[in-house]
């Protein structure tokens, strides 16, 4: 069965965005872009909440075509155009959306179908950002791993990654990596044993 891996930048005190959704505190550089680019190539499906999807859709389809495009812009734009996208939204419709499926109801059943859609050792499903979608999936125990980029900042308040957790979620550390800009990657899988 395929796994859903939540990919998030997070503050040291557990926030994924400021109170108004601001993410200007997130540190990224070429070292992180190169590392993330290699890792996301292992995923063939991207999962988003509506807000994150609309941000991505506004930028990535043409980002690689601009004269000012960076190596990261070109590579990620190509990946984004090929990847199957799944969006959790009660308001969007999937008419005329390229490589995009909308899930608006029966979340647990629909996600399980996607996870079981390929039983050939297929690639991970990567959940990008999307705190509201992450909270929904977390509450239904549908996330199989957390790929966190801990930024060297304490926000004090904002949108937390972990909310309304009813049962403990046991994790197993897979990898960790410090980056020169001060960000530390923590890669966990959920230990359901």
N, C-alpha and C. Protein backbone atom coordinates (compact mmCIF):
# COMPACT_ATOMS: atom_id res chain seq x y z
N UNK A 1 0.84 -1.18 0.00
CA UNK A 1 0.00 0.00 0.00
C UNK A 1 0.88 1.24 0.00
N UNK A 2 0.46 2.25 -0.73
CA UNK A 2 1.20 3.50 -0.79
C UNK A 2 1.06 4.25 0.53
N UNK A 3 2.05 5.11 0.79
CA UNK A 3 2.05 5.88 2.04
C UNK A 3 1.79 7.35 1.74
N UNK A 4 1.12 8.01 2.68
CA UNK A 4 0.99 9.47 2.62
C UNK A 4 2.03 10.05 3.56
N UNK A 5 2.90 10.88 3.00
CA UNK A 5 3.96 11.54 3.77
C UNK A 5 3.66 13.04 3.80
N UNK A 6 3.52 13.59 4.99
CA UNK A 6 3.26 15.01 5.15
C UNK A 6 4.58 15.78 5.13
N UNK A 7 4.70 16.71 4.18
CA UNK A 7 5.90 17.53 4.01
C UNK A 7 5.59 18.94 4.50
N UNK A 8 6.29 19.35 5.57
CA UNK A 8 6.00 20.65 6.20
C UNK A 8 7.27 21.35 6.66
N UNK A 9 7.25 22.66 6.50
CA UNK A 9 8.20 23.51 7.23
C UNK A 9 7.52 23.84 8.55
N UNK A 10 8.30 23.85 9.61
CA UNK A 10 7.73 24.03 10.95
C UNK A 10 8.69 24.86 11.79
N UNK A 11 8.14 25.67 12.68
CA UNK A 11 8.97 26.41 13.62
C UNK A 11 9.39 25.47 14.74
N UNK A 12 10.38 25.87 15.51
CA UNK A 12 10.83 25.03 16.62
C UNK A 12 9.71 24.77 17.61
N UNK A 13 8.76 25.71 17.74
CA UNK A 13 7.66 25.52 18.68
C UNK A 13 6.40 24.95 18.02
N UNK A 14 6.54 24.37 16.84
CA UNK A 14 5.47 23.56 16.27
C UNK A 14 4.46 24.25 15.38
N UNK A 15 4.75 25.45 14.90
CA UNK A 15 3.81 26.15 14.03
C UNK A 15 4.23 26.02 12.56
N UNK A 16 3.24 25.92 11.67
CA UNK A 16 3.51 25.80 10.24
C UNK A 16 3.27 27.11 9.50
N UNK A 17 2.67 28.06 10.17
CA UNK A 17 2.44 29.40 9.61
C UNK A 17 2.12 30.34 10.76
N UNK A 18 2.24 31.64 10.48
CA UNK A 18 1.84 32.63 11.47
C UNK A 18 0.32 32.66 11.59
N UNK A 19 -0.20 33.49 12.48
CA UNK A 19 -1.64 33.57 12.72
C UNK A 19 -2.44 33.88 11.45
N UNK A 20 -1.87 34.64 10.55
CA UNK A 20 -2.56 35.01 9.31
C UNK A 20 -2.06 34.22 8.11
N UNK A 21 -1.43 33.08 8.38
CA UNK A 21 -0.93 32.23 7.31
C UNK A 21 0.43 32.62 6.77
N UNK A 22 1.08 33.62 7.38
CA UNK A 22 2.36 34.08 6.85
C UNK A 22 3.44 33.01 7.02
N UNK A 23 4.27 32.91 5.98
CA UNK A 23 5.36 31.93 5.96
C UNK A 23 6.70 32.58 5.61
N UNK A 24 6.81 33.87 5.86
CA UNK A 24 8.02 34.61 5.52
C UNK A 24 9.21 34.25 6.41
N UNK A 25 8.99 33.44 7.41
CA UNK A 25 10.04 33.02 8.34
C UNK A 25 10.72 31.72 7.87
N UNK A 26 10.17 31.09 6.85
CA UNK A 26 10.71 29.81 6.36
C UNK A 26 12.01 30.06 5.61
N UNK A 27 13.03 29.28 5.97
CA UNK A 27 14.33 29.40 5.31
C UNK A 27 14.46 28.32 4.25
N UNK A 28 14.76 28.73 3.03
CA UNK A 28 15.06 27.79 1.96
C UNK A 28 16.26 28.33 1.18
N UNK A 29 17.06 27.43 0.67
CA UNK A 29 18.20 27.81 -0.14
C UNK A 29 18.46 26.69 -1.15
N UNK A 30 19.48 26.85 -1.97
CA UNK A 30 19.77 25.86 -3.02
C UNK A 30 20.03 24.47 -2.43
N UNK A 31 20.69 24.40 -1.28
CA UNK A 31 20.96 23.10 -0.66
C UNK A 31 19.65 22.37 -0.34
N UNK A 32 18.71 23.09 0.24
CA UNK A 32 17.40 22.49 0.56
C UNK A 32 16.65 22.17 -0.72
N UNK A 33 16.62 23.09 -1.68
CA UNK A 33 15.93 22.84 -2.94
C UNK A 33 16.44 21.58 -3.63
N UNK A 34 17.77 21.40 -3.67
CA UNK A 34 18.34 20.22 -4.31
C UNK A 34 17.94 18.95 -3.57
N UNK A 35 18.01 18.99 -2.26
CA UNK A 35 17.65 17.83 -1.44
C UNK A 35 16.17 17.47 -1.61
N UNK A 36 15.31 18.46 -1.52
CA UNK A 36 13.87 18.24 -1.66
C UNK A 36 13.54 17.76 -3.08
N UNK A 37 14.20 18.34 -4.08
CA UNK A 37 13.95 17.93 -5.47
C UNK A 37 14.21 16.46 -5.68
N UNK A 38 15.29 15.95 -5.11
CA UNK A 38 15.59 14.51 -5.23
C UNK A 38 14.52 13.69 -4.53
N UNK A 39 14.11 14.13 -3.36
CA UNK A 39 13.14 13.36 -2.56
C UNK A 39 11.75 13.37 -3.20
N UNK A 40 11.30 14.50 -3.71
CA UNK A 40 9.94 14.52 -4.27
C UNK A 40 9.85 13.74 -5.56
N UNK A 41 10.98 13.52 -6.23
CA UNK A 41 10.94 12.71 -7.44
C UNK A 41 10.53 11.27 -7.11
N UNK A 42 10.58 10.92 -5.81
CA UNK A 42 10.14 9.60 -5.36
C UNK A 42 8.62 9.53 -5.20
N UNK A 43 7.94 10.64 -5.38
CA UNK A 43 6.48 10.68 -5.26
C UNK A 43 5.85 10.90 -6.63
N UNK A 44 4.75 10.22 -6.91
CA UNK A 44 4.07 10.43 -8.18
C UNK A 44 2.70 11.05 -7.99
N UNK A 45 2.36 11.34 -6.73
CA UNK A 45 1.08 11.96 -6.42
C UNK A 45 1.30 13.04 -5.37
N UNK A 46 0.75 14.22 -5.62
CA UNK A 46 0.84 15.33 -4.67
C UNK A 46 -0.55 15.59 -4.11
N UNK A 47 -0.63 15.72 -2.81
CA UNK A 47 -1.90 15.94 -2.12
C UNK A 47 -1.86 17.33 -1.51
N UNK A 48 -2.94 18.10 -1.73
CA UNK A 48 -3.00 19.48 -1.26
C UNK A 48 -4.37 19.77 -0.66
N UNK A 49 -4.42 20.74 0.22
CA UNK A 49 -5.67 21.39 0.57
C UNK A 49 -5.96 22.43 -0.51
N UNK A 50 -7.14 22.97 -0.53
CA UNK A 50 -7.54 23.91 -1.57
C UNK A 50 -6.64 25.14 -1.64
N UNK A 51 -6.36 25.76 -0.49
CA UNK A 51 -5.58 27.01 -0.47
C UNK A 51 -4.18 26.76 -1.02
N UNK A 52 -3.52 25.72 -0.55
CA UNK A 52 -2.16 25.42 -1.03
C UNK A 52 -2.19 25.08 -2.51
N UNK A 53 -3.17 24.28 -2.94
CA UNK A 53 -3.27 23.93 -4.36
C UNK A 53 -3.41 25.19 -5.22
N UNK A 54 -4.26 26.11 -4.81
CA UNK A 54 -4.46 27.32 -5.60
C UNK A 54 -3.18 28.15 -5.66
N UNK A 55 -2.42 28.19 -4.56
CA UNK A 55 -1.13 28.89 -4.58
C UNK A 55 -0.18 28.20 -5.56
N UNK A 56 -0.13 26.88 -5.50
CA UNK A 56 0.76 26.12 -6.38
C UNK A 56 0.35 26.31 -7.85
N UNK A 57 -0.94 26.22 -8.10
CA UNK A 57 -1.47 26.31 -9.47
C UNK A 57 -1.24 27.70 -10.06
N UNK A 58 -1.23 28.72 -9.22
CA UNK A 58 -0.97 30.08 -9.68
C UNK A 58 0.49 30.29 -10.09
N UNK A 59 1.39 29.47 -9.57
CA UNK A 59 2.80 29.71 -9.81
C UNK A 59 3.50 28.65 -10.67
N UNK A 60 3.36 27.37 -10.30
CA UNK A 60 4.23 26.34 -10.86
C UNK A 60 4.01 25.97 -12.32
N UNK A 61 2.82 26.01 -12.87
CA UNK A 61 2.69 25.60 -14.27
C UNK A 61 3.58 26.39 -15.24
N UNK A 62 3.85 27.65 -14.95
CA UNK A 62 4.67 28.47 -15.87
C UNK A 62 5.98 28.94 -15.25
N UNK A 63 6.27 28.56 -14.02
CA UNK A 63 7.47 29.07 -13.33
C UNK A 63 8.76 28.73 -14.07
N UNK A 64 8.83 27.57 -14.67
CA UNK A 64 10.04 27.15 -15.38
C UNK A 64 10.23 27.84 -16.72
N UNK A 65 9.21 28.49 -17.22
CA UNK A 65 9.28 29.15 -18.54
C UNK A 65 9.78 30.59 -18.47
N UNK A 66 9.84 31.15 -17.28
CA UNK A 66 10.22 32.55 -17.14
C UNK A 66 11.72 32.73 -17.38
N UNK A 67 12.10 33.88 -17.91
CA UNK A 67 13.52 34.15 -18.18
C UNK A 67 14.34 34.20 -16.90
N UNK A 68 13.69 34.49 -15.78
CA UNK A 68 14.38 34.57 -14.49
C UNK A 68 14.31 33.25 -13.70
N UNK A 69 13.82 32.19 -14.33
CA UNK A 69 13.64 30.90 -13.64
C UNK A 69 14.96 30.35 -13.13
N UNK A 70 14.94 29.91 -11.89
CA UNK A 70 16.12 29.25 -11.30
C UNK A 70 16.10 27.77 -11.68
N UNK A 71 17.19 27.10 -11.38
CA UNK A 71 17.26 25.65 -11.60
C UNK A 71 16.10 24.96 -10.87
N UNK A 72 15.85 25.37 -9.64
CA UNK A 72 14.75 24.79 -8.85
C UNK A 72 13.40 25.06 -9.52
N UNK A 73 13.19 26.29 -10.00
CA UNK A 73 11.93 26.62 -10.67
C UNK A 73 11.69 25.70 -11.88
N UNK A 74 12.72 25.50 -12.67
CA UNK A 74 12.60 24.68 -13.88
C UNK A 74 12.29 23.23 -13.51
N UNK A 75 13.07 22.68 -12.57
CA UNK A 75 12.88 21.28 -12.18
C UNK A 75 11.52 21.05 -11.52
N UNK A 76 11.15 21.92 -10.60
CA UNK A 76 9.89 21.71 -9.88
C UNK A 76 8.69 21.95 -10.80
N UNK A 77 8.80 22.88 -11.72
CA UNK A 77 7.73 23.14 -12.67
C UNK A 77 7.49 21.91 -13.55
N UNK A 78 8.56 21.26 -14.00
CA UNK A 78 8.42 20.03 -14.80
C UNK A 78 7.76 18.93 -13.97
N UNK A 79 8.22 18.76 -12.73
CA UNK A 79 7.63 17.74 -11.86
C UNK A 79 6.16 18.03 -11.62
N UNK A 80 5.83 19.28 -11.32
CA UNK A 80 4.46 19.67 -11.02
C UNK A 80 3.53 19.39 -12.21
N UNK A 81 4.01 19.62 -13.41
CA UNK A 81 3.15 19.41 -14.58
C UNK A 81 2.86 17.92 -14.81
N UNK A 82 3.75 17.04 -14.37
CA UNK A 82 3.57 15.60 -14.59
C UNK A 82 2.84 14.89 -13.46
N UNK A 83 2.99 15.37 -12.23
CA UNK A 83 2.50 14.66 -11.06
C UNK A 83 0.97 14.66 -11.02
N UNK A 84 0.41 13.55 -10.53
CA UNK A 84 -1.03 13.48 -10.29
C UNK A 84 -1.32 14.30 -9.04
N UNK A 85 -2.30 15.20 -9.11
CA UNK A 85 -2.63 16.05 -7.97
C UNK A 85 -3.98 15.66 -7.40
N UNK A 86 -4.06 15.60 -6.08
CA UNK A 86 -5.30 15.33 -5.37
C UNK A 86 -5.53 16.51 -4.44
N UNK A 87 -6.74 17.09 -4.50
CA UNK A 87 -7.05 18.27 -3.70
C UNK A 87 -8.23 17.97 -2.79
N UNK A 88 -8.06 18.26 -1.50
CA UNK A 88 -9.16 18.12 -0.55
C UNK A 88 -9.89 19.45 -0.50
N UNK A 89 -11.13 19.46 -0.97
CA UNK A 89 -11.90 20.71 -1.00
C UNK A 89 -13.38 20.40 -1.08
N UNK A 90 -14.16 21.14 -0.30
CA UNK A 90 -15.61 21.01 -0.37
C UNK A 90 -16.21 22.00 -1.38
N UNK A 91 -15.40 22.93 -1.90
CA UNK A 91 -15.94 23.96 -2.79
C UNK A 91 -15.45 23.83 -4.24
N UNK A 92 -14.31 23.20 -4.48
CA UNK A 92 -13.79 23.10 -5.84
C UNK A 92 -14.46 21.97 -6.61
N UNK A 93 -14.46 22.08 -7.92
CA UNK A 93 -14.91 21.02 -8.82
C UNK A 93 -13.76 20.71 -9.77
N UNK A 94 -13.65 19.47 -10.22
CA UNK A 94 -12.49 19.10 -11.03
C UNK A 94 -12.70 19.21 -12.54
N UNK A 95 -13.70 19.91 -12.97
CA UNK A 95 -13.89 20.11 -14.40
C UNK A 95 -12.70 20.86 -14.99
N UNK A 96 -12.14 20.31 -16.04
CA UNK A 96 -11.05 20.94 -16.79
C UNK A 96 -9.76 21.15 -15.99
N UNK A 97 -9.54 20.40 -14.94
CA UNK A 97 -8.28 20.50 -14.20
C UNK A 97 -7.35 19.38 -14.67
N UNK A 98 -6.17 19.73 -15.10
CA UNK A 98 -5.22 18.76 -15.64
C UNK A 98 -4.59 17.93 -14.51
N UNK A 99 -4.61 16.61 -14.69
CA UNK A 99 -3.99 15.69 -13.72
C UNK A 99 -4.44 15.95 -12.29
N UNK A 100 -5.67 16.35 -12.10
CA UNK A 100 -6.13 16.75 -10.77
C UNK A 100 -7.45 16.09 -10.43
N UNK A 101 -7.51 15.54 -9.23
CA UNK A 101 -8.73 14.92 -8.71
C UNK A 101 -9.12 15.66 -7.45
N UNK A 102 -10.41 15.98 -7.31
CA UNK A 102 -10.91 16.67 -6.13
C UNK A 102 -11.62 15.67 -5.23
N UNK A 103 -11.31 15.71 -3.95
CA UNK A 103 -12.03 14.90 -2.96
C UNK A 103 -12.81 15.87 -2.08
N UNK A 104 -14.13 15.74 -2.11
CA UNK A 104 -14.96 16.67 -1.34
C UNK A 104 -15.79 15.97 -0.26
N UNK A 105 -15.86 14.65 -0.31
CA UNK A 105 -16.63 13.92 0.71
C UNK A 105 -16.04 12.52 0.89
N UNK A 106 -16.53 11.81 1.88
CA UNK A 106 -16.03 10.46 2.18
C UNK A 106 -14.50 10.41 2.21
N UNK A 107 -13.91 11.36 2.93
CA UNK A 107 -12.46 11.53 2.94
C UNK A 107 -11.72 10.23 3.21
N UNK A 108 -12.06 9.54 4.28
CA UNK A 108 -11.34 8.33 4.65
C UNK A 108 -11.39 7.28 3.55
N UNK A 109 -12.57 7.01 3.02
CA UNK A 109 -12.70 6.00 1.97
C UNK A 109 -11.96 6.39 0.70
N UNK A 110 -12.08 7.64 0.31
CA UNK A 110 -11.43 8.10 -0.94
C UNK A 110 -9.91 8.08 -0.82
N UNK A 111 -9.39 8.47 0.36
CA UNK A 111 -7.94 8.44 0.55
C UNK A 111 -7.45 6.99 0.57
N UNK A 112 -8.17 6.12 1.23
CA UNK A 112 -7.77 4.70 1.24
C UNK A 112 -7.76 4.11 -0.17
N UNK A 113 -8.71 4.51 -1.00
CA UNK A 113 -8.72 4.06 -2.40
C UNK A 113 -7.45 4.51 -3.12
N UNK A 114 -7.07 5.74 -2.92
CA UNK A 114 -5.86 6.27 -3.56
C UNK A 114 -4.63 5.54 -3.05
N UNK A 115 -4.58 5.30 -1.75
CA UNK A 115 -3.43 4.60 -1.17
C UNK A 115 -3.33 3.18 -1.70
N UNK A 116 -4.46 2.56 -1.99
CA UNK A 116 -4.47 1.18 -2.48
C UNK A 116 -4.50 1.09 -3.99
N UNK A 117 -4.51 2.22 -4.68
CA UNK A 117 -4.67 2.22 -6.13
C UNK A 117 -3.53 1.52 -6.85
N UNK A 118 -2.41 1.42 -6.24
CA UNK A 118 -1.26 0.72 -6.83
C UNK A 118 -0.59 -0.09 -5.75
N UNK A 119 -0.59 -1.36 -5.90
CA UNK A 119 0.04 -2.24 -4.90
C UNK A 119 1.34 -2.83 -5.43
N UNK A 120 2.02 -2.09 -6.27
CA UNK A 120 3.25 -2.58 -6.89
C UNK A 120 4.47 -1.88 -6.31
N UNK A 121 4.37 -1.46 -5.06
CA UNK A 121 5.49 -0.74 -4.45
C UNK A 121 5.62 0.67 -5.00
N UNK A 122 4.51 1.23 -5.45
CA UNK A 122 4.53 2.55 -6.08
C UNK A 122 5.03 3.62 -5.14
N UNK A 123 5.19 4.75 -5.72
CA UNK A 123 5.78 5.88 -5.02
C UNK A 123 4.84 6.46 -3.98
N UNK A 124 5.45 7.21 -3.06
CA UNK A 124 4.69 7.84 -1.98
C UNK A 124 3.75 8.92 -2.52
N UNK A 125 2.74 9.21 -1.71
CA UNK A 125 1.84 10.33 -1.93
C UNK A 125 2.33 11.43 -1.00
N UNK A 126 2.72 12.56 -1.56
CA UNK A 126 3.30 13.64 -0.76
C UNK A 126 2.27 14.71 -0.48
N UNK A 127 2.02 14.95 0.79
CA UNK A 127 1.08 15.98 1.25
C UNK A 127 1.89 17.24 1.52
N UNK A 128 1.70 18.26 0.68
CA UNK A 128 2.49 19.48 0.79
C UNK A 128 1.76 20.54 1.58
N UNK A 129 2.42 21.04 2.64
CA UNK A 129 1.85 22.14 3.42
C UNK A 129 0.44 21.81 3.86
N UNK A 130 -0.50 22.67 3.55
CA UNK A 130 -1.92 22.40 3.75
C UNK A 130 -2.28 22.00 5.18
N UNK A 131 -2.12 22.91 6.14
CA UNK A 131 -2.39 22.54 7.54
C UNK A 131 -3.80 22.03 7.79
N UNK A 132 -4.81 22.61 7.18
CA UNK A 132 -6.18 22.15 7.42
C UNK A 132 -6.38 20.73 6.90
N UNK A 133 -5.88 20.46 5.70
CA UNK A 133 -5.96 19.11 5.14
C UNK A 133 -5.17 18.13 6.00
N UNK A 134 -3.99 18.55 6.45
CA UNK A 134 -3.17 17.69 7.30
C UNK A 134 -3.91 17.35 8.59
N UNK A 135 -4.54 18.35 9.21
CA UNK A 135 -5.29 18.10 10.45
C UNK A 135 -6.40 17.07 10.20
N UNK A 136 -7.13 17.21 9.10
CA UNK A 136 -8.21 16.28 8.78
C UNK A 136 -7.69 14.86 8.60
N UNK A 137 -6.61 14.72 7.86
CA UNK A 137 -6.04 13.40 7.61
C UNK A 137 -5.44 12.81 8.89
N UNK A 138 -4.81 13.65 9.69
CA UNK A 138 -4.21 13.20 10.93
C UNK A 138 -5.28 12.66 11.88
N UNK A 139 -6.40 13.35 11.97
CA UNK A 139 -7.47 12.93 12.88
C UNK A 139 -8.08 11.60 12.48
N UNK A 140 -7.92 11.22 11.20
CA UNK A 140 -8.45 9.93 10.74
C UNK A 140 -7.34 8.90 10.57
N UNK A 141 -6.17 9.19 11.10
CA UNK A 141 -5.02 8.28 11.05
C UNK A 141 -4.68 7.85 9.62
N UNK A 142 -4.66 8.80 8.71
CA UNK A 142 -4.38 8.51 7.30
C UNK A 142 -2.99 8.94 6.87
N UNK A 143 -2.23 9.58 7.76
CA UNK A 143 -0.87 10.00 7.43
C UNK A 143 0.10 8.93 7.92
N UNK A 144 1.03 8.55 7.05
CA UNK A 144 1.96 7.46 7.35
C UNK A 144 3.36 7.94 7.70
N UNK A 145 3.62 9.22 7.49
CA UNK A 145 4.94 9.74 7.80
C UNK A 145 4.93 11.25 7.82
N UNK A 146 5.92 11.81 8.50
CA UNK A 146 6.08 13.26 8.62
C UNK A 146 7.49 13.61 8.20
N UNK A 147 7.59 14.43 7.17
CA UNK A 147 8.87 14.91 6.67
C UNK A 147 8.92 16.39 7.03
N UNK A 148 9.57 16.68 8.13
CA UNK A 148 9.53 18.02 8.72
C UNK A 148 10.85 18.75 8.51
N UNK A 149 10.74 20.03 8.19
CA UNK A 149 11.91 20.89 8.08
C UNK A 149 11.79 21.92 9.20
N UNK A 150 12.51 21.68 10.28
CA UNK A 150 12.43 22.51 11.47
C UNK A 150 13.29 23.75 11.25
N UNK A 151 12.63 24.90 11.26
CA UNK A 151 13.30 26.18 11.04
C UNK A 151 13.77 26.76 12.37
N UNK A 152 14.91 27.43 12.38
CA UNK A 152 15.47 27.96 13.61
C UNK A 152 14.78 29.25 14.06
N UNK A 153 13.52 29.09 14.44
CA UNK A 153 12.74 30.24 14.89
C UNK A 153 11.66 29.76 15.85
N UNK A 154 11.36 30.58 16.84
CA UNK A 154 10.23 30.34 17.74
C UNK A 154 9.21 31.43 17.44
N UNK A 155 8.04 31.03 16.93
CA UNK A 155 7.03 32.01 16.55
C UNK A 155 6.17 32.47 17.72
N UNK A 156 5.98 31.60 18.71
CA UNK A 156 5.16 31.97 19.86
C UNK A 156 3.67 31.80 19.63
N UNK A 157 3.22 31.97 18.41
CA UNK A 157 1.81 31.76 18.06
C UNK A 157 1.71 31.57 16.55
N UNK A 158 0.60 30.99 16.14
CA UNK A 158 0.40 30.74 14.72
C UNK A 158 -0.50 29.55 14.52
N UNK A 159 -0.38 28.94 13.34
CA UNK A 159 -1.16 27.74 13.02
C UNK A 159 -0.31 26.54 13.39
N UNK A 160 -0.76 25.74 14.38
CA UNK A 160 0.04 24.60 14.83
C UNK A 160 -0.07 23.43 13.87
N UNK A 161 0.97 22.61 13.82
CA UNK A 161 0.90 21.38 13.02
C UNK A 161 0.01 20.35 13.70
N UNK A 162 0.17 20.20 14.99
CA UNK A 162 -0.56 19.15 15.70
C UNK A 162 -1.68 19.75 16.54
N UNK A 163 -2.94 19.44 16.17
CA UNK A 163 -4.10 19.91 16.92
C UNK A 163 -5.12 18.77 17.04
N UNK A 164 -5.89 18.80 18.11
CA UNK A 164 -6.97 17.83 18.31
C UNK A 164 -6.51 16.39 18.14
N UNK A 165 -5.35 16.07 18.67
CA UNK A 165 -4.85 14.70 18.62
C UNK A 165 -5.51 13.94 19.77
N UNK A 166 -6.28 12.93 19.42
CA UNK A 166 -7.03 12.18 20.43
C UNK A 166 -6.21 11.03 21.02
N UNK A 167 -5.39 10.40 20.21
CA UNK A 167 -4.54 9.30 20.65
C UNK A 167 -3.10 9.62 20.33
N UNK A 168 -2.20 9.04 21.08
CA UNK A 168 -0.78 9.23 20.80
C UNK A 168 -0.47 8.71 19.39
N UNK A 169 0.44 9.38 18.74
CA UNK A 169 0.94 8.93 17.45
C UNK A 169 2.41 8.58 17.66
N UNK A 170 2.72 7.30 17.63
CA UNK A 170 4.11 6.87 17.81
C UNK A 170 4.84 7.00 16.49
N UNK A 171 6.04 7.55 16.56
CA UNK A 171 6.84 7.79 15.37
C UNK A 171 8.18 7.07 15.46
N UNK A 172 8.71 6.74 14.30
CA UNK A 172 10.04 6.14 14.22
C UNK A 172 10.89 7.04 13.33
N UNK A 173 12.02 7.50 13.86
CA UNK A 173 12.90 8.39 13.10
C UNK A 173 13.60 7.59 12.00
N UNK A 174 13.49 8.08 10.76
CA UNK A 174 14.12 7.42 9.61
C UNK A 174 15.44 8.10 9.27
N UNK A 175 15.38 9.43 9.10
CA UNK A 175 16.60 10.19 8.80
C UNK A 175 16.52 11.56 9.45
N UNK A 176 17.67 12.16 9.59
CA UNK A 176 17.76 13.54 10.04
C UNK A 176 18.92 14.17 9.30
N UNK A 177 18.79 15.46 9.02
CA UNK A 177 19.87 16.14 8.29
C UNK A 177 19.86 17.62 8.62
N UNK A 178 21.00 18.14 9.07
CA UNK A 178 21.11 19.59 9.26
C UNK A 178 21.53 20.26 7.94
N UNK A 179 20.99 21.45 7.70
CA UNK A 179 21.38 22.22 6.53
C UNK A 179 22.17 23.44 6.98
N UNK A 180 22.99 23.97 6.10
CA UNK A 180 23.86 25.09 6.44
C UNK A 180 23.09 26.34 6.88
N UNK A 181 21.85 26.51 6.42
CA UNK A 181 21.07 27.69 6.77
C UNK A 181 20.44 27.59 8.17
N UNK A 182 20.65 26.46 8.86
CA UNK A 182 20.13 26.29 10.21
C UNK A 182 18.88 25.44 10.29
N UNK A 183 18.29 25.08 9.15
CA UNK A 183 17.11 24.20 9.13
C UNK A 183 17.58 22.77 9.36
N UNK A 184 16.76 21.99 10.08
CA UNK A 184 17.05 20.57 10.30
C UNK A 184 15.89 19.74 9.79
N UNK A 185 16.20 18.77 8.96
CA UNK A 185 15.19 17.84 8.45
C UNK A 185 15.02 16.69 9.44
N UNK A 186 13.76 16.38 9.75
CA UNK A 186 13.41 15.21 10.56
C UNK A 186 12.41 14.40 9.75
N UNK A 187 12.76 13.17 9.45
CA UNK A 187 11.91 12.32 8.63
C UNK A 187 11.44 11.15 9.49
N UNK A 188 10.13 11.11 9.78
CA UNK A 188 9.55 10.08 10.63
C UNK A 188 8.53 9.25 9.85
N UNK A 189 8.41 7.99 10.23
CA UNK A 189 7.27 7.20 9.79
C UNK A 189 6.44 6.89 11.01
N UNK A 190 5.14 6.73 10.79
CA UNK A 190 4.23 6.39 11.88
C UNK A 190 4.43 4.92 12.23
N UNK A 191 4.64 4.65 13.52
CA UNK A 191 4.86 3.29 14.02
C UNK A 191 3.52 2.76 14.54
N UNK A 192 2.84 1.97 13.73
CA UNK A 192 1.51 1.48 14.09
C UNK A 192 1.56 0.11 14.76
N UNK A 193 2.71 -0.35 15.16
CA UNK A 193 2.83 -1.65 15.83
C UNK A 193 2.48 -1.56 17.29
